[in-house]
Amino acid sequence: MEFITQPWAWYVAGPIIAFIMFLLYYFGERFGMSSNLETFCSIGGAGKFVDYFKIDWKENIWNLIFVAGAITGGFIASNWLSTSDVVLLNPQTVKDLAEIGIVNAGATYLPDTIFSIDAMLSIKGFSILLIAGIMVGFGARWAGGCTSGHAIVGLSNLELPSLISVIGFFIGGLVMTWLILPLIF
């Protein structure tokens, strides 16, 4: 059980990811989470209103099963395989976050300052979630995939668009961390 509850070393997790990528490549499938949003919209009937969603969602059933597995696995790991909710953060990071109003960083995986129901139902919290959701959804579709699709699959296939997208993701993360987040909080 100790092996399961501890972070896995790169030499264990890396080959497992490489093996999964090989299987996906062999069977002609592509991995990514954001493409499931298209599938969910197609299932919900969005194809009646927008031609973009006129796809045969049954071709992507394996990816929907993957999403269900990710949700189930996350629930199992969170409830039965985690030894603690405490996240080991650098003390300087905790101090920096406290200075911009995010208190108790590292006490749990999701700080209450941002992720509590009260924070989400405030005008500020709701606005942040709405704008961030639109930007992430639009960005994922504009880039032709999400971080998992580009960073894991695209880079392993040596695709130049994925390299450009991943560089853009990192630049966006740095801009958010150093410029926008301090302004918001």
Protein backbone atom coordinates (compact mmCIF):
# COMPACT_ATOMS: atom_id res chain seq x y z
CA MET A 1 0.00 0.00 0.00
CA GLU A 2 2.94 2.33 0.66
CA PHE A 3 3.86 2.15 -3.05
CA ILE A 4 0.40 3.38 -4.07
CA THR A 5 0.14 6.24 -1.56
CA GLN A 6 3.51 7.84 -2.33
CA PRO A 7 4.41 9.87 -5.44
CA TRP A 8 5.89 7.65 -8.11
CA ALA A 9 9.39 8.28 -9.38
CA TRP A 10 9.87 9.41 -12.98
CA TYR A 11 11.37 6.04 -13.94
CA VAL A 12 8.10 4.33 -12.95
CA ALA A 13 5.51 6.85 -14.15
CA GLY A 14 7.38 7.83 -17.34
CA PRO A 15 7.49 4.35 -18.89
CA ILE A 16 3.84 3.78 -17.98
CA ILE A 17 2.86 6.99 -19.78
CA ALA A 18 5.08 6.03 -22.74
CA PHE A 19 3.42 2.59 -22.91
CA ILE A 20 -0.06 4.17 -22.90
CA MET A 21 1.02 6.60 -25.65
CA PHE A 22 2.33 3.67 -27.70
CA LEU A 23 -1.00 1.85 -27.33
CA LEU A 24 -2.95 4.96 -28.35
CA TYR A 25 -0.68 5.50 -31.35
CA TYR A 26 -0.93 1.83 -32.32
CA PHE A 27 -4.74 1.89 -32.23
CA GLY A 28 -4.92 5.25 -34.02
CA GLU A 29 -6.40 7.17 -31.09
CA ARG A 30 -5.44 10.55 -29.63
CA PHE A 31 -5.51 11.42 -25.97
CA GLY A 32 -6.84 14.69 -24.62
CA MET A 33 -9.45 15.94 -22.20
CA SER A 34 -10.82 19.03 -23.95
CA SER A 35 -12.07 17.04 -26.93
CA ASN A 36 -14.55 15.41 -24.55
CA LEU A 37 -16.34 18.74 -24.26
CA GLU A 38 -17.20 18.47 -27.96
CA THR A 39 -18.45 14.95 -27.36
CA PHE A 40 -20.60 16.03 -24.41
CA CYS A 41 -22.07 18.88 -26.47
CA SER A 42 -22.82 16.45 -29.31
CA ILE A 43 -24.53 14.06 -26.92
CA GLY A 44 -26.59 16.98 -25.59
CA GLY A 45 -27.83 17.87 -29.07
CA ALA A 46 -25.69 20.91 -29.87
CA GLY A 47 -25.32 19.58 -33.42
CA LYS A 48 -28.91 20.68 -34.08
CA PHE A 49 -27.80 24.30 -33.65
CA VAL A 50 -24.11 24.38 -34.62
CA ASP A 51 -22.56 22.32 -37.42
CA TYR A 52 -19.27 22.05 -35.50
CA PHE A 53 -20.93 19.61 -33.11
CA LYS A 54 -22.35 17.34 -35.82
CA ILE A 55 -20.04 14.44 -35.05
CA ASP A 56 -20.61 10.79 -34.29
CA TRP A 57 -19.97 10.86 -30.55
CA LYS A 58 -19.95 7.06 -30.41
CA GLU A 59 -16.52 7.10 -32.06
CA ASN A 60 -15.18 8.80 -28.92
CA ILE A 61 -16.79 6.48 -26.36
CA TRP A 62 -13.36 5.22 -25.24
CA ASN A 63 -12.37 8.78 -24.28
CA LEU A 64 -15.58 9.23 -22.29
CA ILE A 65 -14.74 6.03 -20.42
CA PHE A 66 -11.30 7.52 -19.73
CA VAL A 67 -12.95 10.64 -18.25
CA ALA A 68 -15.16 8.48 -16.05
CA GLY A 69 -12.05 6.57 -14.95
CA ALA A 70 -10.20 9.81 -14.19
CA ILE A 71 -13.10 11.05 -12.05
CA THR A 72 -13.44 7.70 -10.27
CA GLY A 73 -9.67 7.40 -9.78
CA GLY A 74 -9.46 10.92 -8.40
CA PHE A 75 -12.27 10.19 -5.96
CA ILE A 76 -10.62 6.95 -4.80
CA ALA A 77 -7.21 8.58 -4.45
CA SER A 78 -8.62 11.58 -2.61
CA ASN A 79 -10.75 9.60 -0.17
CA TRP A 80 -8.79 6.40 0.45
CA LEU A 81 -5.22 6.73 -0.79
CA SER A 82 -4.24 10.18 0.47
CA THR A 83 -2.50 10.21 3.81
CA SER A 84 -3.13 13.92 4.36
CA ASP A 85 -4.65 16.99 2.74
CA VAL A 86 -1.54 19.00 3.56
CA VAL A 87 0.47 20.02 0.50
CA LEU A 88 4.19 20.51 1.05
CA LEU A 89 4.77 23.97 -0.38
CA ASN A 90 7.90 26.06 -0.21
CA PRO A 91 7.58 28.42 2.78
CA GLN A 92 8.34 31.38 0.51
CA THR A 93 5.40 30.38 -1.73
CA VAL A 94 3.09 30.23 1.30
CA LYS A 95 4.32 33.68 2.38
CA ASP A 96 3.90 35.14 -1.12
CA LEU A 97 0.35 33.77 -1.39
CA ALA A 98 -0.54 35.13 2.06
CA GLU A 99 0.64 38.58 0.95
CA ILE A 100 -1.94 38.62 -1.86
CA GLY A 101 -4.72 37.33 0.40
CA ILE A 102 -4.64 33.58 -0.14
CA VAL A 103 -4.43 32.35 3.44
CA ASN A 104 -3.69 28.81 4.62
CA ALA A 105 -2.01 27.86 1.32
CA GLY A 106 -0.82 24.28 1.58
CA ALA A 107 -3.20 23.37 4.41
CA THR A 108 -5.42 21.66 1.81
CA TYR A 109 -5.19 21.00 -1.90
CA LEU A 110 -7.68 23.74 -2.67
CA PRO A 111 -7.43 26.92 -0.58
CA ASP A 112 -10.78 28.12 0.80
CA THR A 113 -9.95 31.69 -0.22
CA ILE A 114 -10.46 30.64 -3.84
CA PHE A 115 -12.40 27.37 -3.85
CA SER A 116 -14.98 27.56 -1.06
CA ILE A 117 -18.67 27.77 -1.92
CA ASP A 118 -18.79 31.28 -0.41
CA ALA A 119 -15.88 32.42 -2.60
CA MET A 120 -17.42 30.90 -5.73
CA LEU A 121 -20.83 32.48 -5.10
CA SER A 122 -19.43 35.97 -4.60
CA ILE A 123 -19.48 38.38 -7.55
CA LYS A 124 -15.68 38.32 -7.73
CA GLY A 125 -15.42 34.51 -7.47
CA PHE A 126 -18.19 33.88 -9.98
CA SER A 127 -16.67 36.39 -12.41
CA ILE A 128 -13.24 34.79 -12.13
CA LEU A 129 -14.67 31.32 -12.76
CA LEU A 130 -16.78 32.47 -15.69
CA ILE A 131 -13.98 34.41 -17.41
CA ALA A 132 -11.38 31.72 -16.71
CA GLY A 133 -13.69 28.98 -18.01
CA ILE A 134 -14.38 30.86 -21.23
CA MET A 135 -10.69 31.61 -21.74
CA VAL A 136 -9.58 28.03 -21.06
CA GLY A 137 -12.31 26.57 -23.28
CA PHE A 138 -11.64 29.00 -26.10
CA GLY A 139 -7.87 28.58 -25.77
CA ALA A 140 -8.06 24.79 -25.81
CA ARG A 141 -10.14 24.79 -28.98
CA TRP A 142 -8.05 27.50 -30.64
CA ALA A 143 -4.85 25.58 -29.87
CA GLY A 144 -6.46 22.40 -31.19
CA GLY A 145 -6.26 20.69 -27.81
CA CYS A 146 -5.57 21.07 -24.13
CA THR A 147 -2.40 20.79 -22.10
CA SER A 148 -2.67 17.03 -21.74
CA GLY A 149 -3.28 16.51 -25.44
CA HIS A 150 -0.44 18.73 -26.60
CA ALA A 151 2.10 18.14 -23.83
CA ILE A 152 1.73 14.38 -23.60
CA VAL A 153 0.55 13.22 -27.01
CA GLY A 154 1.67 16.01 -29.32
CA LEU A 155 5.18 16.28 -27.93
CA SER A 156 5.61 12.50 -27.88
CA ASN A 157 4.67 12.53 -31.60
CA LEU A 158 7.18 15.38 -32.19
CA GLU A 159 4.47 17.72 -33.52
CA LEU A 160 5.61 21.33 -33.98
CA PRO A 161 2.13 22.81 -33.27
CA SER A 162 2.16 21.01 -29.92
CA LEU A 163 5.57 22.42 -29.06
CA ILE A 164 4.34 25.93 -29.88
CA SER A 165 1.16 25.35 -27.83
CA VAL A 166 3.08 24.03 -24.81
CA ILE A 167 5.42 27.02 -24.92
CA GLY A 168 2.32 29.23 -25.04
CA PHE A 169 0.82 27.37 -22.04
CA PHE A 170 3.97 28.01 -20.02
CA ILE A 171 4.11 31.67 -20.99
CA GLY A 172 0.42 32.04 -20.08
CA GLY A 173 1.02 30.36 -16.73
CA LEU A 174 3.92 32.69 -15.95
CA VAL A 175 1.90 35.78 -16.94
CA MET A 176 -1.00 34.59 -14.78
CA THR A 177 1.22 33.81 -11.78
CA TRP A 178 3.37 36.92 -11.81
CA LEU A 179 1.10 39.59 -13.30
CA ILE A 180 -2.60 38.80 -13.24
CA LEU A 181 -3.03 36.78 -10.01
CA PRO A 182 -1.55 39.55 -7.81
CA LEU A 183 -3.95 42.03 -9.44
CA ILE A 184 -7.00 39.82 -8.85
CA PHE A 185 -6.28 39.13 -5.20
